[in-house]
Protein backbone atom coordinates (compact mmCIF):
# COMPACT_ATOMS: atom_id res chain seq x y z
CA UNK A 1 44.29 178.78 27.83
CA UNK A 2 45.97 180.33 24.80
CA UNK A 3 44.17 181.00 21.53
CA UNK A 4 45.67 177.92 19.86
CA UNK A 5 44.26 175.64 22.55
CA UNK A 6 40.92 177.44 22.36
CA UNK A 7 40.65 176.78 18.62
CA UNK A 8 41.55 173.11 18.99
CA UNK A 9 39.10 172.63 21.85
CA UNK A 10 36.36 174.05 19.63
CA UNK A 11 36.81 171.22 17.13
CA UNK A 12 34.08 168.57 16.88
CA UNK A 13 31.70 170.39 19.22
CA UNK A 14 28.02 170.77 18.23
CA UNK A 15 28.75 174.41 17.36
CA UNK A 16 31.63 173.33 15.14
CA UNK A 17 29.42 170.80 13.36
CA UNK A 18 26.91 173.54 12.58
CA UNK A 19 29.55 175.98 11.29
CA UNK A 20 33.22 174.93 11.34
CA UNK A 21 34.57 177.82 9.29
CA UNK A 22 35.38 180.35 12.06
CA UNK A 23 37.39 177.65 13.86
CA UNK A 24 39.20 176.75 10.65
CA UNK A 25 40.06 180.41 10.03
CA UNK A 26 41.68 180.69 13.47
CA UNK A 27 43.58 177.44 13.00
CA UNK A 28 44.94 178.47 9.59
CA UNK A 29 46.21 181.65 11.21
CA UNK A 30 47.47 180.27 14.53
CA UNK A 31 48.38 176.61 14.09
CA UNK A 32 47.83 175.37 10.52
CA UNK A 33 49.47 172.02 11.25
CA UNK A 34 47.99 171.05 14.59
CA UNK A 35 48.48 168.01 16.84
CA UNK A 36 44.94 167.06 17.69
CA UNK A 37 42.88 164.40 19.47
CA UNK A 38 40.36 163.01 16.98
CA UNK A 39 36.90 161.65 17.85
CA UNK A 40 38.09 158.05 17.62
CA UNK A 41 40.51 158.70 20.50
CA UNK A 42 43.64 158.84 18.35
CA UNK A 43 46.12 161.69 18.32
CA UNK A 44 47.16 162.93 14.92
CA UNK A 45 47.89 165.95 12.77
CA UNK A 46 45.24 168.18 11.22
CA UNK A 47 46.20 170.14 8.10
CA UNK A 48 44.11 173.27 7.47
CA UNK A 49 45.92 175.44 4.89
CA UNK A 50 45.49 174.89 1.16
CA UNK A 51 49.18 174.76 0.23
CA UNK A 52 49.95 172.26 2.98
CA UNK A 53 46.87 170.21 2.09
CA UNK A 54 47.94 169.85 -1.55
CA UNK A 55 51.41 168.78 -0.47
CA UNK A 56 50.13 166.12 1.95
CA UNK A 57 47.64 164.75 -0.59
CA UNK A 58 50.37 164.15 -3.18
CA UNK A 59 53.34 163.29 -0.91
CA UNK A 60 53.96 159.54 -1.05
CA UNK A 61 55.58 159.61 2.37
CA UNK A 62 52.03 159.76 3.71
CA UNK A 63 50.54 156.33 3.13
CA UNK A 64 46.98 155.03 2.95
CA UNK A 65 47.45 151.30 3.56
CA UNK A 66 46.79 150.84 7.27
CA UNK A 67 48.22 147.29 7.18
CA UNK A 68 51.67 148.85 6.88
CA UNK A 69 51.10 150.57 10.22
CA UNK A 70 48.84 148.26 12.22
CA UNK A 71 49.47 144.85 10.64
CA UNK A 72 47.52 142.47 8.37
CA UNK A 73 44.50 142.10 10.67
CA UNK A 74 43.79 145.82 10.90
CA UNK A 75 41.88 146.22 7.65
CA UNK A 76 38.12 145.68 7.56
CA UNK A 77 36.23 144.54 4.50
CA UNK A 78 35.15 148.14 3.95
CA UNK A 79 38.70 149.47 3.66
CA UNK A 80 40.05 146.82 1.30
CA UNK A 81 39.89 149.09 -1.73
CA UNK A 82 41.78 151.73 -3.73
CA UNK A 83 40.93 154.50 -1.26
CA UNK A 84 43.02 152.75 1.39
CA UNK A 85 45.76 151.41 -0.89
CA UNK A 86 49.16 152.60 -2.03
CA UNK A 87 50.85 151.92 -5.37
CA UNK A 88 51.00 149.44 -7.01
CA UNK A 89 47.80 148.01 -5.47
CA UNK A 90 46.08 151.37 -5.80
CA UNK A 91 46.74 151.52 -9.54
CA UNK A 92 45.50 147.95 -10.03
CA UNK A 93 42.27 148.41 -8.06
CA UNK A 94 41.43 151.82 -9.49
CA UNK A 95 42.12 150.55 -13.00
CA UNK A 96 39.44 147.89 -12.61
CA UNK A 97 36.65 150.42 -12.17
CA UNK A 98 37.80 153.68 -13.70
CA UNK A 99 36.63 152.73 -17.19
CA UNK A 100 33.05 152.96 -15.90
CA UNK A 101 33.58 156.57 -14.76
CA UNK A 102 35.32 158.27 -17.67
CA UNK A 103 33.99 161.75 -18.49
CA UNK A 104 32.85 160.55 -21.93
CA UNK A 105 30.82 157.66 -20.53
CA UNK A 106 29.37 159.82 -17.76
CA UNK A 107 28.30 162.52 -20.23
CA UNK A 108 26.48 159.80 -22.14
CA UNK A 109 24.28 159.31 -19.06
CA UNK A 110 23.02 162.91 -19.11
CA UNK A 111 19.61 162.21 -20.65
CA UNK A 112 18.95 159.27 -18.34
CA UNK A 113 19.91 161.23 -15.22
CA UNK A 114 17.67 164.06 -16.41
CA UNK A 115 14.80 161.57 -16.70
CA UNK A 116 15.44 160.35 -13.14
CA UNK A 117 15.43 163.94 -11.82
CA UNK A 118 12.17 164.72 -13.63
CA UNK A 119 10.51 161.55 -12.36
CA UNK A 120 11.47 162.30 -8.75
CA UNK A 121 10.11 165.85 -8.99
CA UNK A 122 6.95 164.64 -10.76
CA UNK A 123 6.24 162.65 -7.61
CA UNK A 124 6.11 165.80 -5.45
CA UNK A 125 4.29 168.00 -7.98
CA UNK A 126 1.25 169.61 -6.39
CA UNK A 127 2.59 169.41 -2.85
CA UNK A 128 3.52 172.52 -0.90
CA UNK A 129 6.49 170.85 0.79
CA UNK A 130 9.59 169.08 -0.47
CA UNK A 131 11.97 167.15 1.76
CA UNK A 132 15.07 167.84 -0.31
CA UNK A 133 17.18 164.94 0.95
CA UNK A 134 14.54 162.21 1.20
CA UNK A 135 12.57 163.16 -1.90
CA UNK A 136 15.35 164.15 -4.27
CA UNK A 137 19.01 164.51 -3.26
CA UNK A 138 19.32 160.96 -1.89
CA UNK A 139 17.29 158.90 -4.38
CA UNK A 140 18.78 160.48 -7.50
CA UNK A 141 22.41 159.36 -7.02
CA UNK A 142 21.52 156.05 -5.36
CA UNK A 143 19.39 155.12 -8.39
CA UNK A 144 22.26 156.01 -10.71
CA UNK A 145 24.98 154.10 -8.84
CA UNK A 146 22.65 151.12 -8.33
CA UNK A 147 22.13 150.92 -12.08
CA UNK A 148 25.87 151.18 -12.77
CA UNK A 149 26.62 148.40 -10.28
CA UNK A 150 23.58 146.28 -11.11
CA UNK A 151 22.19 146.10 -7.55
CA UNK A 152 18.42 146.37 -6.94
CA UNK A 153 17.21 149.96 -6.71
CA UNK A 154 14.49 148.86 -4.29
CA UNK A 155 17.23 148.17 -1.71
CA UNK A 156 18.22 151.84 -1.60
CA UNK A 157 16.92 152.36 1.95
CA UNK A 158 19.17 149.55 3.17
CA UNK A 159 22.15 151.17 1.47
CA UNK A 160 21.30 154.45 3.16
CA UNK A 161 21.08 152.88 6.62
CA UNK A 162 24.34 150.98 6.20
CA UNK A 163 26.13 153.97 4.70
CA UNK A 164 25.02 156.32 7.49
CA UNK A 165 26.13 153.81 10.09
CA UNK A 166 29.56 153.21 8.58
CA UNK A 167 30.18 156.93 8.09
CA UNK A 168 28.94 157.65 11.62
CA UNK A 169 31.56 155.23 12.92
CA UNK A 170 34.16 157.85 11.97
CA UNK A 171 32.84 159.85 14.92
CA UNK A 172 32.82 156.83 17.27
CA UNK A 173 29.04 156.69 17.13
CA UNK A 174 26.72 153.74 16.82
CA UNK A 175 28.47 150.98 18.79
CA UNK A 176 26.63 147.67 18.38
CA UNK A 177 24.47 149.08 15.59
CA UNK A 178 27.54 149.82 13.49
CA UNK A 179 28.80 146.27 13.91
CA UNK A 180 25.39 144.82 13.07
CA UNK A 181 24.99 147.04 10.01
CA UNK A 182 28.46 146.09 8.76
CA UNK A 183 27.55 142.42 9.08
CA UNK A 184 24.25 142.97 7.26
CA UNK A 185 25.96 144.86 4.46
CA UNK A 186 28.63 142.18 4.09
CA UNK A 187 26.01 139.42 4.04
CA UNK A 188 23.97 141.31 1.46
CA UNK A 189 26.98 141.75 -0.81
CA UNK A 190 27.98 138.10 -0.46
CA UNK A 191 24.49 136.94 -1.42
CA UNK A 192 24.43 139.33 -4.37
CA UNK A 193 27.88 138.30 -5.59
CA UNK A 194 26.78 134.66 -5.54
CA UNK A 195 23.75 135.53 -7.65
CA UNK A 196 25.91 137.42 -10.13
CA UNK A 197 28.35 134.51 -10.42
CA UNK A 198 25.49 132.31 -11.64
CA UNK A 199 23.87 134.97 -13.83
CA UNK A 200 26.29 137.77 -14.76
CA UNK A 201 25.15 140.82 -16.69
CA UNK A 202 26.86 143.80 -18.26
CA UNK A 203 27.00 145.82 -15.04
CA UNK A 204 30.14 146.79 -13.13
CA UNK A 205 29.80 144.15 -10.40
CA UNK A 206 29.62 141.44 -13.07
CA UNK A 207 32.81 142.81 -14.61
CA UNK A 208 34.53 142.74 -11.20
CA UNK A 209 33.35 139.18 -10.54
CA UNK A 210 34.85 138.07 -13.85
CA UNK A 211 38.12 139.78 -12.90
CA UNK A 212 38.07 138.07 -9.50
CA UNK A 213 37.39 134.64 -10.99
CA UNK A 214 40.28 135.08 -13.40
CA UNK A 215 42.45 135.01 -10.29
CA UNK A 216 44.80 137.65 -11.56
CA UNK A 217 43.55 141.11 -10.66
CA UNK A 218 41.11 141.07 -7.74
CA UNK A 219 40.79 139.07 -4.52
CA UNK A 220 37.46 138.20 -2.90
CA UNK A 221 38.12 140.62 -0.04
CA UNK A 222 38.95 143.37 -2.51
CA UNK A 223 35.69 142.95 -4.41
CA UNK A 224 33.79 143.48 -1.13
CA UNK A 225 35.88 146.55 -0.42
CA UNK A 226 35.58 148.07 -3.89
CA UNK A 227 31.83 147.54 -4.23
CA UNK A 228 31.03 148.84 -0.74
CA UNK A 229 33.13 151.93 -1.47
CA UNK A 230 31.32 152.54 -4.77
CA UNK A 231 27.89 152.18 -3.14
CA UNK A 232 28.72 154.53 -0.26
CA UNK A 233 30.88 157.10 -2.05
CA UNK A 234 28.77 156.77 -5.17
CA UNK A 235 25.86 158.53 -3.54
CA UNK A 236 27.09 160.31 -0.39
CA UNK A 237 29.11 162.96 -2.23
CA UNK A 238 26.24 163.91 -4.53
CA UNK A 239 23.60 163.90 -1.78
CA UNK A 240 25.58 166.48 0.16
CA UNK A 241 26.67 168.45 -2.90
CA UNK A 242 22.98 168.97 -3.77
CA UNK A 243 21.93 169.63 -0.19
CA UNK A 244 24.74 172.00 0.76
CA UNK A 245 24.55 173.69 -2.63
CA UNK A 246 20.83 174.43 -2.40
CA UNK A 247 21.29 175.80 1.13
CA UNK A 248 24.06 178.10 -0.13
CA UNK A 249 21.83 179.39 -2.93
CA UNK A 250 18.93 180.03 -0.57
CA UNK A 251 21.25 181.87 1.83
CA UNK A 252 22.48 184.05 -1.06
CA UNK A 253 19.36 185.20 -2.95
CA UNK A 254 21.37 187.28 -5.42
CA UNK A 255 23.27 184.17 -6.52
CA UNK A 256 20.04 182.17 -6.67
CA UNK A 257 18.45 184.74 -8.95
CA UNK A 258 21.56 184.88 -11.11
CA UNK A 259 21.50 181.11 -11.63
CA UNK A 260 17.76 181.08 -12.32
CA UNK A 261 18.18 183.82 -14.91
CA UNK A 262 21.32 182.26 -16.40
CA UNK A 263 21.11 178.46 -15.99
CA UNK A 264 24.13 178.15 -18.27
CA UNK A 265 26.20 179.23 -15.23
CA UNK A 266 25.51 175.86 -13.59
CA UNK A 267 28.98 174.35 -14.13
CA UNK A 268 30.68 177.23 -12.34
CA UNK A 269 27.94 177.22 -9.70
CA UNK A 270 28.60 173.56 -8.92
CA UNK A 271 32.33 174.25 -8.53
CA UNK A 272 31.57 177.08 -6.13
CA UNK A 273 29.17 174.90 -4.14
CA UNK A 274 31.91 172.30 -3.86
CA UNK A 275 34.41 174.91 -2.68
CA UNK A 276 32.22 176.99 -0.39
CA UNK A 277 30.68 174.22 1.71
CA UNK A 278 32.03 170.99 0.32
CA UNK A 279 30.36 167.59 0.83
CA UNK A 280 33.53 165.89 2.13
CA UNK A 281 34.87 167.75 5.14
CA UNK A 282 38.01 165.71 5.83
CA UNK A 283 40.22 163.46 3.78
CA UNK A 284 40.25 159.83 4.76
CA UNK A 285 43.15 158.84 6.98
CA UNK A 286 46.79 158.93 6.01
CA UNK A 287 49.74 157.91 8.12
CA UNK A 288 53.35 158.96 8.13
CA UNK A 289 55.06 156.00 6.49
CA UNK A 290 58.40 156.91 8.10
CA UNK A 291 59.84 159.39 10.56
CA UNK A 292 59.75 162.64 8.65
CA UNK A 293 59.71 166.41 8.84
CA UNK A 294 56.85 168.33 7.27
CA UNK A 295 56.85 172.13 7.28
CA UNK A 296 59.07 172.14 10.36
CA UNK A 297 57.04 169.55 12.28
CA UNK A 298 58.62 166.25 13.29
CA UNK A 299 56.20 163.43 12.53
CA UNK A 300 56.79 159.87 13.69
CA UNK A 301 56.15 156.78 11.61
CA UNK A 302 52.51 155.80 12.15
CA UNK A 303 51.29 159.30 13.01
CA UNK A 304 47.75 159.91 11.74
CA UNK A 305 47.46 162.83 9.28
CA UNK A 306 44.08 164.26 8.25
CA UNK A 307 43.47 167.08 5.76
CA UNK A 308 40.59 169.46 6.50
CA UNK A 309 39.43 169.84 2.90
CA UNK A 310 36.71 172.37 3.70
CA UNK A 311 39.22 174.51 5.56
CA UNK A 312 41.70 174.44 2.68
CA UNK A 313 38.93 175.57 0.34
CA UNK A 314 38.36 178.70 2.45
CA UNK A 315 42.04 179.67 2.54
CA UNK A 316 42.49 183.32 1.58
CA UNK A 317 46.01 182.60 0.36
CA UNK A 318 44.47 180.55 -2.46
CA UNK A 319 41.02 182.09 -3.03
CA UNK A 320 40.08 185.76 -3.25
CA UNK A 321 37.29 186.62 -0.80
CA UNK A 322 37.15 182.99 0.33
CA UNK A 323 34.04 183.45 2.49
CA UNK A 324 32.10 184.96 -0.41
CA UNK A 325 29.75 182.63 -2.29
CA UNK A 326 30.13 183.60 -5.94
CA UNK A 327 28.86 181.27 -8.67
CA UNK A 328 30.88 183.20 -11.29
CA UNK A 329 34.19 182.60 -9.50
CA UNK A 330 36.87 181.66 -12.01
CA UNK A 331 39.60 179.01 -11.89
CA UNK A 332 38.52 177.46 -8.63
CA UNK A 333 41.09 174.75 -7.98
CA UNK A 334 39.26 173.49 -4.92
CA UNK A 335 40.03 170.24 -3.11
CA UNK A 336 36.47 168.99 -2.65
CA UNK A 337 37.33 165.82 -4.59
CA UNK A 338 40.82 165.55 -3.15
CA UNK A 339 44.09 165.78 -5.05
CA UNK A 340 46.73 163.45 -6.41
CA UNK A 341 46.34 159.75 -7.15
CA UNK A 342 43.44 159.35 -4.70
CA UNK A 343 41.36 162.13 -6.26
CA UNK A 344 37.71 161.06 -6.36
CA UNK A 345 37.08 158.56 -9.14
CA UNK A 346 33.42 159.57 -9.37
CA UNK A 347 33.97 163.33 -9.64
CA UNK A 348 32.63 163.57 -13.23
CA UNK A 349 29.47 161.70 -12.20
CA UNK A 350 28.92 163.80 -9.06
CA UNK A 351 29.36 167.01 -11.05
CA UNK A 352 26.87 165.92 -13.71
CA UNK A 353 24.32 164.75 -11.14
CA UNK A 354 24.71 168.04 -9.28
CA UNK A 355 24.28 170.14 -12.42
CA UNK A 356 21.14 168.31 -13.49
CA UNK A 357 19.64 168.10 -10.00
CA UNK A 358 20.07 171.77 -9.11
CA UNK A 359 19.05 173.27 -12.44
CA UNK A 360 16.01 170.99 -12.72
CA UNK A 361 14.91 171.82 -9.18
CA UNK A 362 15.17 175.56 -9.81
CA UNK A 363 13.35 175.31 -13.12
CA UNK A 364 10.52 173.17 -11.78
CA UNK A 365 10.15 174.98 -8.44
CA UNK A 366 11.42 178.56 -8.91
CA UNK A 367 9.99 179.80 -5.59
CA UNK A 368 11.60 177.32 -3.21
CA UNK A 369 12.54 178.53 0.25
CA UNK A 370 13.63 176.99 3.53
CA UNK A 371 10.77 176.09 5.87
CA UNK A 372 12.96 176.79 8.89
CA UNK A 373 15.91 179.01 9.69
CA UNK A 374 19.16 177.68 8.25
CA UNK A 375 20.65 177.79 11.73
CA UNK A 376 18.10 175.21 12.87
CA UNK A 377 19.11 172.61 10.29
CA UNK A 378 20.78 169.55 11.83
CA UNK A 379 24.19 168.81 10.37
CA UNK A 380 25.45 165.24 10.39
CA UNK A 381 28.29 164.61 12.83
CA UNK A 382 31.34 162.66 11.79
CA UNK A 383 34.80 162.84 10.35
CA UNK A 384 34.04 162.37 6.66
CA UNK A 385 30.96 163.95 5.12
CA UNK A 386 29.52 167.41 5.65
CA UNK A 387 25.80 167.42 5.09
CA UNK A 388 22.40 168.08 6.61
CA UNK A 389 20.10 165.28 7.77
CA UNK A 390 17.06 166.88 6.16
CA UNK A 391 16.21 170.12 4.36
CA UNK A 392 12.47 170.95 4.39
CA UNK A 393 11.54 173.30 1.55
CA UNK A 394 8.39 175.16 0.66
CA UNK A 395 7.73 174.88 -3.04
């Protein structure tokens, strides 16, 4: 077995899930554009270098609409949204929701998000243990996105179960449970949409329902797809940004002390957390929309193409000392939120939630430490998010 085959065989193993970066480093060096079997059983191309990743993410020869490859029946309710659409549908769908996520509007939520963070930490005051994900990193963003959408905050545990199941399906896990959870989620949304039709408010779902009923801008299937995407993506990115970021700080005590002493460094710290161990490991699927050549590789129409975002963000050709965690790193043009027209719509919100969550945690509990070795933490398997199931902290 040559070294290229060894690197590719190391993908998606338990060891890779715990720490993928040594494998990525070998792939960037040996075979940066690699033909690979993915967990779902499909062959495709994995892109691991930064320069190639940027090119794929903005090249319109690589398409997102799976119906163009597999036919009209291939798209589930959960992929009928802007993340899996090409222009002009992408522009139309994104335009319906982007006004709710402008940097100006998001900044106006700062005080309210701060209040949510304080309330969550008030609830664990006096305890000697904090479950970072369950107690803080998960509820904070799910409360925020629930309020934006107008769905009941008390249903957050359902959203978490359904989200975990749908994301786990990217790794061919779950089987019947995934199907059942998808049905439950769809039924829940249908019931909620019916309620909103009879009693609309000023929330985002109400705005989408009005757009759908106008018959001009949004189909019924698209409203299911857009809302499910906003619920799932609207909390998953921030959960893992907070979790991975806190782990990185605790593994680098000098950087932790620096941030505690200079909390004004938080914006740069968040960017470094996103780069160093980003919350979204792989881009969602793209396909070659035609027979094409990319960097000397012949790709056939319909070939799956996946960008390893976390690998690109450790590429030494783009970042000095890429394996160094440095919260004062300047001009970090990382790809944690993607690139091009599909760049994450909620990036301003995730950044603000991360800034508030991390700084508030460090201010309220300055002596936090991991209750177990970082190597014992259980990372979530899958082909989308990179995050830990739970992070027990001593406070």
